[in-house]
Amino acid sequence: MASGDAKARKLFPAWLEDTEEAEWHNTMDVKARHPRADFLPGNRVIFDLGGNDYRIVTEIDYERQVVIVRWVGYHKDYDKIDARTA
């Protein structure tokens, strides 16, 4: 992703702040806050941002309340990765 992408520079800090405030104990909690989130095996969660222009691949440890960001980028680049292992 281009470091100068103005839209992303606004969206990612907002997503991060929202994520830091969240208490997610399971996928239903995530879905309640982010209805468009997609779920993969291994507690992987894919978030769409900016009208689906960007994707964030995460791994969530619900017990410890930790979200690990595994990949961030444009949706077009997301299609080139394996989100299960990224």
PDB file of N, CA and C in Angstrom:
ATOM      1  N   MET A   1       0.842  -1.170   0.000  1.00  0.00           N
ATOM      2  CA  MET A   1       0.000   0.000   0.000  1.00  0.00           C
ATOM      3  C   MET A   1       0.888   1.234   0.000  1.00  0.00           C
ATOM      4  N   ALA A   2       0.508   2.219  -0.756  1.00  0.00           N
ATOM      5  CA  ALA A   2       1.281   3.450  -0.838  1.00  0.00           C
ATOM      6  C   ALA A   2       1.220   4.195   0.486  1.00  0.00           C
ATOM      7  N   SER A   3       2.354   4.606   0.981  1.00  0.00           N
ATOM      8  CA  SER A   3       2.395   5.281   2.280  1.00  0.00           C
ATOM      9  C   SER A   3       1.700   6.632   2.242  1.00  0.00           C
ATOM     10  N   GLY A   4       1.535   7.205   1.071  1.00  0.00           N
ATOM     11  CA  GLY A   4       0.903   8.514   0.955  1.00  0.00           C
ATOM     12  C   GLY A   4      -0.584   8.444   0.694  1.00  0.00           C
ATOM     13  N   ASP A   5      -1.191   7.292   0.795  1.00  0.00           N
ATOM     14  CA  ASP A   5      -2.616   7.123   0.526  1.00  0.00           C
ATOM     15  C   ASP A   5      -3.422   7.836   1.618  1.00  0.00           C
ATOM     16  N   ALA A   6      -3.971   9.002   1.282  1.00  0.00           N
ATOM     17  CA  ALA A   6      -4.657   9.842   2.267  1.00  0.00           C
ATOM     18  C   ALA A   6      -5.873   9.159   2.875  1.00  0.00           C
ATOM     19  N   LYS A   7      -6.623   8.434   2.077  1.00  0.00           N
ATOM     20  CA  LYS A   7      -7.806   7.747   2.586  1.00  0.00           C
ATOM     21  C   LYS A   7      -7.408   6.707   3.631  1.00  0.00           C
ATOM     22  N   ALA A   8      -6.382   5.934   3.325  1.00  0.00           N
ATOM     23  CA  ALA A   8      -5.921   4.913   4.265  1.00  0.00           C
ATOM     24  C   ALA A   8      -5.392   5.536   5.543  1.00  0.00           C
ATOM     25  N   ARG A   9      -4.745   6.666   5.416  1.00  0.00           N
ATOM     26  CA  ARG A   9      -4.178   7.328   6.601  1.00  0.00           C
ATOM     27  C   ARG A   9      -5.260   7.778   7.573  1.00  0.00           C
ATOM     28  N   LYS A  10      -6.492   7.912   7.107  1.00  0.00           N
ATOM     29  CA  LYS A  10      -7.615   8.247   7.986  1.00  0.00           C
ATOM     30  C   LYS A  10      -8.312   6.986   8.504  1.00  0.00           C
ATOM     31  N   LEU A  11      -8.455   6.003   7.625  1.00  0.00           N
ATOM     32  CA  LEU A  11      -9.219   4.808   7.973  1.00  0.00           C
ATOM     33  C   LEU A  11      -8.514   3.900   8.980  1.00  0.00           C
ATOM     34  N   PHE A  12      -7.232   3.676   8.796  1.00  0.00           N
ATOM     35  CA  PHE A  12      -6.531   2.719   9.657  1.00  0.00           C
ATOM     36  C   PHE A  12      -6.439   3.167  11.108  1.00  0.00           C
ATOM     37  N   PRO A  13      -6.125   4.435  11.380  1.00  0.00           N
ATOM     38  CA  PRO A  13      -6.136   4.851  12.789  1.00  0.00           C
ATOM     39  C   PRO A  13      -7.520   4.720  13.435  1.00  0.00           C
ATOM     40  N   ALA A  14      -8.578   4.988  12.672  1.00  0.00           N
ATOM     41  CA  ALA A  14      -9.932   4.844  13.209  1.00  0.00           C
ATOM     42  C   ALA A  14     -10.240   3.375  13.508  1.00  0.00           C
ATOM     43  N   TRP A  15      -9.839   2.479  12.589  1.00  0.00           N
ATOM     44  CA  TRP A  15     -10.047   1.045  12.827  1.00  0.00           C
ATOM     45  C   TRP A  15      -9.253   0.589  14.054  1.00  0.00           C
ATOM     46  N   LEU A  16      -8.018   1.043  14.165  1.00  0.00           N
ATOM     47  CA  LEU A  16      -7.174   0.668  15.291  1.00  0.00           C
ATOM     48  C   LEU A  16      -7.774   1.139  16.616  1.00  0.00           C
ATOM     49  N   GLU A  17      -8.236   2.370  16.646  1.00  0.00           N
ATOM     50  CA  GLU A  17      -8.847   2.895  17.873  1.00  0.00           C
ATOM     51  C   GLU A  17     -10.094   2.085  18.243  1.00  0.00           C
ATOM     52  N   ASP A  18     -10.918   1.788  17.252  1.00  0.00           N
ATOM     53  CA  ASP A  18     -12.118   0.991  17.490  1.00  0.00           C
ATOM     54  C   ASP A  18     -11.750  -0.397  18.013  1.00  0.00           C
ATOM     55  N   THR A  19     -10.730  -0.995  17.435  1.00  0.00           N
ATOM     56  CA  THR A  19     -10.293  -2.330  17.837  1.00  0.00           C
ATOM     57  C   THR A  19      -9.738  -2.328  19.257  1.00  0.00           C
ATOM     58  N   GLU A  20      -8.999  -1.299  19.606  1.00  0.00           N
ATOM     59  CA  GLU A  20      -8.441  -1.220  20.957  1.00  0.00           C
ATOM     60  C   GLU A  20      -9.531  -1.080  22.011  1.00  0.00           C
ATOM     61  N   GLU A  21     -10.649  -0.469  21.658  1.00  0.00           N
ATOM     62  CA  GLU A  21     -11.753  -0.286  22.601  1.00  0.00           C
ATOM     63  C   GLU A  21     -12.649  -1.518  22.707  1.00  0.00           C
ATOM     64  N   ALA A  22     -12.590  -2.384  21.728  1.00  0.00           N
ATOM     65  CA  ALA A  22     -13.502  -3.527  21.650  1.00  0.00           C
ATOM     66  C   ALA A  22     -13.151  -4.610  22.665  1.00  0.00           C
ATOM     67  N   GLU A  23     -14.176  -5.336  23.076  1.00  0.00           N
ATOM     68  CA  GLU A  23     -14.007  -6.545  23.879  1.00  0.00           C
ATOM     69  C   GLU A  23     -14.667  -7.662  23.102  1.00  0.00           C
ATOM     70  N   TRP A  24     -13.858  -8.433  22.419  1.00  0.00           N
ATOM     71  CA  TRP A  24     -14.347  -9.522  21.594  1.00  0.00           C
ATOM     72  C   TRP A  24     -14.031 -10.847  22.265  1.00  0.00           C
ATOM     73  N   HIS A  25     -15.070 -11.592  22.585  1.00  0.00           N
ATOM     74  CA  HIS A  25     -14.899 -12.888  23.213  1.00  0.00           C
ATOM     75  C   HIS A  25     -15.165 -14.034  22.246  1.00  0.00           C
ATOM     76  N   ASN A  26     -15.724 -13.695  21.083  1.00  0.00           N
ATOM     77  CA  ASN A  26     -16.025 -14.705  20.069  1.00  0.00           C
ATOM     78  C   ASN A  26     -16.355 -14.003  18.751  1.00  0.00           C
ATOM     79  N   THR A  27     -16.598 -14.794  17.726  1.00  0.00           N
ATOM     80  CA  THR A  27     -16.870 -14.222  16.404  1.00  0.00           C
ATOM     81  C   THR A  27     -18.159 -13.408  16.378  1.00  0.00           C
ATOM     82  N   MET A  28     -19.116 -13.778  17.199  1.00  0.00           N
ATOM     83  CA  MET A  28     -20.370 -13.016  17.232  1.00  0.00           C
ATOM     84  C   MET A  28     -20.149 -11.596  17.735  1.00  0.00           C
ATOM     85  N   ASP A  29     -19.227 -11.423  18.678  1.00  0.00           N
ATOM     86  CA  ASP A  29     -18.899 -10.078  19.162  1.00  0.00           C
ATOM     87  C   ASP A  29     -18.275  -9.240  18.051  1.00  0.00           C
ATOM     88  N   VAL A  30     -17.396  -9.857  17.289  1.00  0.00           N
ATOM     89  CA  VAL A  30     -16.763  -9.149  16.169  1.00  0.00           C
ATOM     90  C   VAL A  30     -17.830  -8.772  15.143  1.00  0.00           C
ATOM     91  N   LYS A  31     -18.681  -9.716  14.803  1.00  0.00           N
ATOM     92  CA  LYS A  31     -19.721  -9.499  13.786  1.00  0.00           C
ATOM     93  C   LYS A  31     -20.692  -8.400  14.213  1.00  0.00           C
ATOM     94  N   ALA A  32     -20.962  -8.288  15.505  1.00  0.00           N
ATOM     95  CA  ALA A  32     -21.858  -7.241  15.993  1.00  0.00           C
ATOM     96  C   ALA A  32     -21.271  -5.853  15.751  1.00  0.00           C
ATOM     97  N   ARG A  33     -19.960  -5.746  15.852  1.00  0.00           N
ATOM     98  CA  ARG A  33     -19.301  -4.449  15.674  1.00  0.00           C
ATOM     99  C   ARG A  33     -18.900  -4.217  14.227  1.00  0.00           C
ATOM    100  N   HIS A  34     -18.596  -5.293  13.512  1.00  0.00           N
ATOM    101  CA  HIS A  34     -18.149  -5.222  12.114  1.00  0.00           C
ATOM    102  C   HIS A  34     -18.922  -6.260  11.297  1.00  0.00           C
ATOM    103  N   PRO A  35     -20.135  -5.935  10.894  1.00  0.00           N
ATOM    104  CA  PRO A  35     -20.988  -6.911  10.207  1.00  0.00           C
ATOM    105  C   PRO A  35     -20.402  -7.467   8.910  1.00  0.00           C
ATOM    106  N   ARG A  36     -19.481  -6.758   8.295  1.00  0.00           N
ATOM    107  CA  ARG A  36     -18.898  -7.222   7.031  1.00  0.00           C
ATOM    108  C   ARG A  36     -17.619  -8.031   7.224  1.00  0.00           C
ATOM    109  N   ALA A  37     -17.236  -8.276   8.461  1.00  0.00           N
ATOM    110  CA  ALA A  37     -16.036  -9.070   8.729  1.00  0.00           C
ATOM    111  C   ALA A  37     -16.233 -10.497   8.227  1.00  0.00           C
ATOM    112  N   ASP A  38     -15.150 -11.086   7.740  1.00  0.00           N
ATOM    113  CA  ASP A  38     -15.155 -12.474   7.293  1.00  0.00           C
ATOM    114  C   ASP A  38     -14.253 -13.278   8.207  1.00  0.00           C
ATOM    115  N   PHE A  39     -14.598 -14.541   8.398  1.00  0.00           N
ATOM    116  CA  PHE A  39     -13.879 -15.395   9.340  1.00  0.00           C
ATOM    117  C   PHE A  39     -13.276 -16.590   8.624  1.00  0.00           C
ATOM    118  N   LEU A  40     -12.042 -16.898   9.013  1.00  0.00           N
ATOM    119  CA  LEU A  40     -11.314 -18.041   8.479  1.00  0.00           C
ATOM    120  C   LEU A  40     -10.879 -18.928   9.641  1.00  0.00           C
ATOM    121  N   PRO A  41     -10.471 -20.157   9.351  1.00  0.00           N
ATOM    122  CA  PRO A  41      -9.952 -21.019  10.424  1.00  0.00           C
ATOM    123  C   PRO A  41      -8.763 -20.364  11.135  1.00  0.00           C
ATOM    124  N   GLY A  42      -8.507 -20.802  12.340  1.00  0.00           N
ATOM    125  CA  GLY A  42      -7.369 -20.292  13.097  1.00  0.00           C
ATOM    126  C   GLY A  42      -7.603 -18.918  13.676  1.00  0.00           C
ATOM    127  N   ASN A  43      -8.872 -18.583  13.925  1.00  0.00           N
ATOM    128  CA  ASN A  43      -9.236 -17.274  14.478  1.00  0.00           C
ATOM    129  C   ASN A  43      -8.787 -16.107  13.611  1.00  0.00           C
ATOM    130  N   ARG A  44      -8.695 -16.360  12.311  1.00  0.00           N
ATOM    131  CA  ARG A  44      -8.385 -15.277  11.373  1.00  0.00           C
ATOM    132  C   ARG A  44      -9.658 -14.505  11.068  1.00  0.00           C
ATOM    133  N   VAL A  45      -9.527 -13.186  11.061  1.00  0.00           N
ATOM    134  CA  VAL A  45     -10.654 -12.315  10.737  1.00  0.00           C
ATOM    135  C   VAL A  45     -10.185 -11.308   9.702  1.00  0.00           C
ATOM    136  N   ILE A  46     -11.009 -11.142   8.661  1.00  0.00           N
ATOM    137  CA  ILE A  46     -10.710 -10.206   7.590  1.00  0.00           C
ATOM    138  C   ILE A  46     -11.653  -9.021   7.732  1.00  0.00           C
ATOM    139  N   PHE A  47     -11.085  -7.834   7.824  1.00  0.00           N
ATOM    140  CA  PHE A  47     -11.870  -6.613   7.924  1.00  0.00           C
ATOM    141  C   PHE A  47     -11.775  -5.851   6.601  1.00  0.00           C
ATOM    142  N   ASP A  48     -12.922  -5.352   6.134  1.00  0.00           N
ATOM    143  CA  ASP A  48     -12.983  -4.505   4.943  1.00  0.00           C
ATOM    144  C   ASP A  48     -13.061  -3.061   5.401  1.00  0.00           C
ATOM    145  N   LEU A  49     -12.260  -2.217   4.788  1.00  0.00           N
ATOM    146  CA  LEU A  49     -12.290  -0.795   5.118  1.00  0.00           C
ATOM    147  C   LEU A  49     -12.463   0.032   3.858  1.00  0.00           C
ATOM    148  N   GLY A  50     -13.025   1.214   4.040  1.00  0.00           N
ATOM    149  CA  GLY A  50     -13.110   2.161   2.938  1.00  0.00           C
ATOM    150  C   GLY A  50     -13.969   1.689   1.789  1.00  0.00           C
ATOM    151  N   GLY A  51     -15.144   1.139   2.093  1.00  0.00           N
ATOM    152  CA  GLY A  51     -15.996   0.646   1.026  1.00  0.00           C
ATOM    153  C   GLY A  51     -15.378  -0.528   0.300  1.00  0.00           C
ATOM    154  N   ASN A  52     -14.605  -1.312   1.043  1.00  0.00           N
ATOM    155  CA  ASN A  52     -13.952  -2.512   0.523  1.00  0.00           C
ATOM    156  C   ASN A  52     -12.722  -2.200  -0.328  1.00  0.00           C
ATOM    157  N   ASP A  53     -12.182  -1.001  -0.186  1.00  0.00           N
ATOM    158  CA  ASP A  53     -10.948  -0.658  -0.900  1.00  0.00           C
ATOM    159  C   ASP A  53      -9.729  -1.311  -0.255  1.00  0.00           C
ATOM    160  N   TYR A  54      -9.796  -1.533   1.046  1.00  0.00           N
ATOM    161  CA  TYR A  54      -8.665  -2.059   1.808  1.00  0.00           C
ATOM    162  C   TYR A  54      -9.104  -3.286   2.595  1.00  0.00           C
ATOM    163  N   ARG A  55      -8.131  -4.116   2.914  1.00  0.00           N
ATOM    164  CA  ARG A  55      -8.370  -5.293   3.744  1.00  0.00           C
ATOM    165  C   ARG A  55      -7.318  -5.345   4.849  1.00  0.00           C
ATOM    166  N   ILE A  56      -7.758  -5.826   5.997  1.00  0.00           N
ATOM    167  CA  ILE A  56      -6.853  -6.096   7.110  1.00  0.00           C
ATOM    168  C   ILE A  56      -7.069  -7.553   7.498  1.00  0.00           C
ATOM    169  N   VAL A  57      -6.005  -8.328   7.479  1.00  0.00           N
ATOM    170  CA  VAL A  57      -6.059  -9.721   7.913  1.00  0.00           C
ATOM    171  C   VAL A  57      -5.514  -9.768   9.338  1.00  0.00           C
ATOM    172  N   THR A  58      -6.308 -10.308  10.237  1.00  0.00           N
ATOM    173  CA  THR A  58      -5.904 -10.377  11.634  1.00  0.00           C
ATOM    174  C   THR A  58      -6.030 -11.799  12.155  1.00  0.00           C
ATOM    175  N   GLU A  59      -5.423 -11.993  13.291  1.00  0.00           N
ATOM    176  CA  GLU A  59      -5.615 -13.213  14.073  1.00  0.00           C
ATOM    177  C   GLU A  59      -6.001 -12.745  15.471  1.00  0.00           C
ATOM    178  N   ILE A  60      -7.096 -13.266  15.984  1.00  0.00           N
ATOM    179  CA  ILE A  60      -7.594 -12.797  17.274  1.00  0.00           C
ATOM    180  C   ILE A  60      -7.456 -13.894  18.321  1.00  0.00           C
ATOM    181  N   ASP A  61      -6.825 -13.531  19.430  1.00  0.00           N
ATOM    182  CA  ASP A  61      -6.772 -14.400  20.604  1.00  0.00           C
ATOM    183  C   ASP A  61      -7.857 -13.878  21.545  1.00  0.00           C
ATOM    184  N   TYR A  62      -9.024 -14.495  21.485  1.00  0.00           N
ATOM    185  CA  TYR A  62     -10.176 -14.018  22.246  1.00  0.00           C
ATOM    186  C   TYR A  62      -9.946 -14.109  23.751  1.00  0.00           C
ATOM    187  N   GLU A  63      -9.247 -15.130  24.180  1.00  0.00           N
ATOM    188  CA  GLU A  63      -9.011 -15.317  25.613  1.00  0.00           C
ATOM    189  C   GLU A  63      -8.153 -14.193  26.184  1.00  0.00           C
ATOM    190  N   ARG A  64      -7.118 -13.827  25.456  1.00  0.00           N
ATOM    191  CA  ARG A  64      -6.194 -12.781  25.932  1.00  0.00           C
ATOM    192  C   ARG A  64      -6.583 -11.382  25.475  1.00  0.00           C
ATOM    193  N   GLN A  65      -7.610 -11.285  24.622  1.00  0.00           N
ATOM    194  CA  GLN A  65      -8.052 -10.002  24.086  1.00  0.00           C
ATOM    195  C   GLN A  65      -6.930  -9.311  23.302  1.00  0.00           C
ATOM    196  N   VAL A  66      -6.321 -10.092  22.400  1.00  0.00           N
ATOM    197  CA  VAL A  66      -5.220  -9.594  21.583  1.00  0.00           C
ATOM    198  C   VAL A  66      -5.591  -9.763  20.115  1.00  0.00           C
ATOM    199  N   VAL A  67      -5.378  -8.699  19.342  1.00  0.00           N
ATOM    200  CA  VAL A  67      -5.580  -8.744  17.895  1.00  0.00           C
ATOM    201  C   VAL A  67      -4.217  -8.547  17.240  1.00  0.00           C
ATOM    202  N   ILE A  68      -3.808  -9.522  16.470  1.00  0.00           N
ATOM    203  CA  ILE A  68      -2.533  -9.464  15.763  1.00  0.00           C
ATOM    204  C   ILE A  68      -2.828  -9.156  14.301  1.00  0.00           C
ATOM    205  N   VAL A  69      -2.268  -8.068  13.809  1.00  0.00           N
ATOM    206  CA  VAL A  69      -2.440  -7.708  12.399  1.00  0.00           C
ATOM    207  C   VAL A  69      -1.415  -8.502  11.599  1.00  0.00           C
ATOM    208  N   ARG A  70      -1.918  -9.326  10.677  1.00  0.00           N
ATOM    209  CA  ARG A  70      -1.061 -10.181   9.852  1.00  0.00           C
ATOM    210  C   ARG A  70      -0.770  -9.581   8.491  1.00  0.00           C
ATOM    211  N   TRP A  71      -1.697  -8.788   7.976  1.00  0.00           N
ATOM    212  CA  TRP A  71      -1.511  -8.205   6.641  1.00  0.00           C
ATOM    213  C   TRP A  71      -2.452  -7.018   6.490  1.00  0.00           C
ATOM    214  N   VAL A  72      -1.974  -5.974   5.811  1.00  0.00           N
ATOM    215  CA  VAL A  72      -2.777  -4.789   5.503  1.00  0.00           C
ATOM    216  C   VAL A  72      -2.493  -4.402   4.066  1.00  0.00           C
ATOM    217  N   GLY A  73      -3.530  -4.094   3.312  1.00  0.00           N
ATOM    218  CA  GLY A  73      -3.285  -3.654   1.946  1.00  0.00           C
ATOM    219  C   GLY A  73      -4.540  -3.380   1.166  1.00  0.00           C
ATOM    220  N   TYR A  74      -4.338  -3.094  -0.104  1.00  0.00           N
ATOM    221  CA  TYR A  74      -5.449  -2.860  -1.018  1.00  0.00           C
ATOM    222  C   TYR A  74      -6.186  -4.170  -1.268  1.00  0.00           C
ATOM    223  N   HIS A  75      -7.472  -4.058  -1.540  1.00  0.00           N
ATOM    224  CA  HIS A  75      -8.274  -5.240  -1.826  1.00  0.00           C
ATOM    225  C   HIS A  75      -7.712  -6.004  -3.021  1.00  0.00           C
ATOM    226  N   LYS A  76      -7.278  -5.277  -4.043  1.00  0.00           N
ATOM    227  CA  LYS A  76      -6.731  -5.945  -5.237  1.00  0.00           C
ATOM    228  C   LYS A  76      -5.497  -6.783  -4.892  1.00  0.00           C
ATOM    229  N   ASP A  77      -4.714  -6.355  -3.915  1.00  0.00           N
ATOM    230  CA  ASP A  77      -3.539  -7.118  -3.498  1.00  0.00           C
ATOM    231  C   ASP A  77      -3.920  -8.275  -2.582  1.00  0.00           C
ATOM    232  N   TYR A  78      -5.002  -8.108  -1.846  1.00  0.00           N
ATOM    233  CA  TYR A  78      -5.509  -9.182  -0.980  1.00  0.00           C
ATOM    234  C   TYR A  78      -5.828 -10.421  -1.816  1.00  0.00           C
ATOM    235  N   ASP A  79      -6.336 -10.194  -3.001  1.00  0.00           N
ATOM    236  CA  ASP A  79      -6.685 -11.314  -3.875  1.00  0.00           C
ATOM    237  C   ASP A  79      -5.457 -12.149  -4.291  1.00  0.00           C
ATOM    238  N   LYS A  80      -4.268 -11.626  -4.058  1.00  0.00           N
ATOM    239  CA  LYS A  80      -3.026 -12.318  -4.443  1.00  0.00           C
ATOM    240  C   LYS A  80      -2.383 -13.089  -3.295  1.00  0.00           C
ATOM    241  N   ILE A  81      -2.951 -12.972  -2.087  1.00  0.00           N
ATOM    242  CA  ILE A  81      -2.355 -13.639  -0.923  1.00  0.00           C
ATOM    243  C   ILE A  81      -3.248 -14.777  -0.449  1.00  0.00           C
ATOM    244  N   ASP A  82      -2.725 -15.605   0.418  1.00  0.00           N
ATOM    245  CA  ASP A  82      -3.512 -16.614   1.110  1.00  0.00           C
ATOM    246  C   ASP A  82      -3.733 -16.090   2.537  1.00  0.00           C
ATOM    247  N   ALA A  83      -4.906 -15.584   2.811  1.00  0.00           N
ATOM    248  CA  ALA A  83      -5.192 -14.971   4.106  1.00  0.00           C
ATOM    249  C   ALA A  83      -5.104 -15.962   5.260  1.00  0.00           C
ATOM    250  N   ARG A  84      -5.121 -17.244   4.964  1.00  0.00           N
ATOM    251  CA  ARG A  84      -5.008 -18.249   6.021  1.00  0.00           C
ATOM    252  C   ARG A  84      -3.581 -18.348   6.554  1.00  0.00           C
ATOM    253  N   THR A  85      -2.611 -17.885   5.746  1.00  0.00           N
ATOM    254  CA  THR A  85      -1.209 -17.990   6.156  1.00  0.00           C
ATOM    255  C   THR A  85      -0.467 -16.669   6.146  1.00  0.00           C
ATOM    256  N   ALA A  86      -1.091 -15.616   5.669  1.00  0.00           N
ATOM    257  CA  ALA A  86      -0.419 -14.299   5.565  1.00  0.00           C
ATOM    258  C   ALA A  86      -0.019 -13.787   6.929  1.00  0.00           C
TER     259      ALA A  86
END
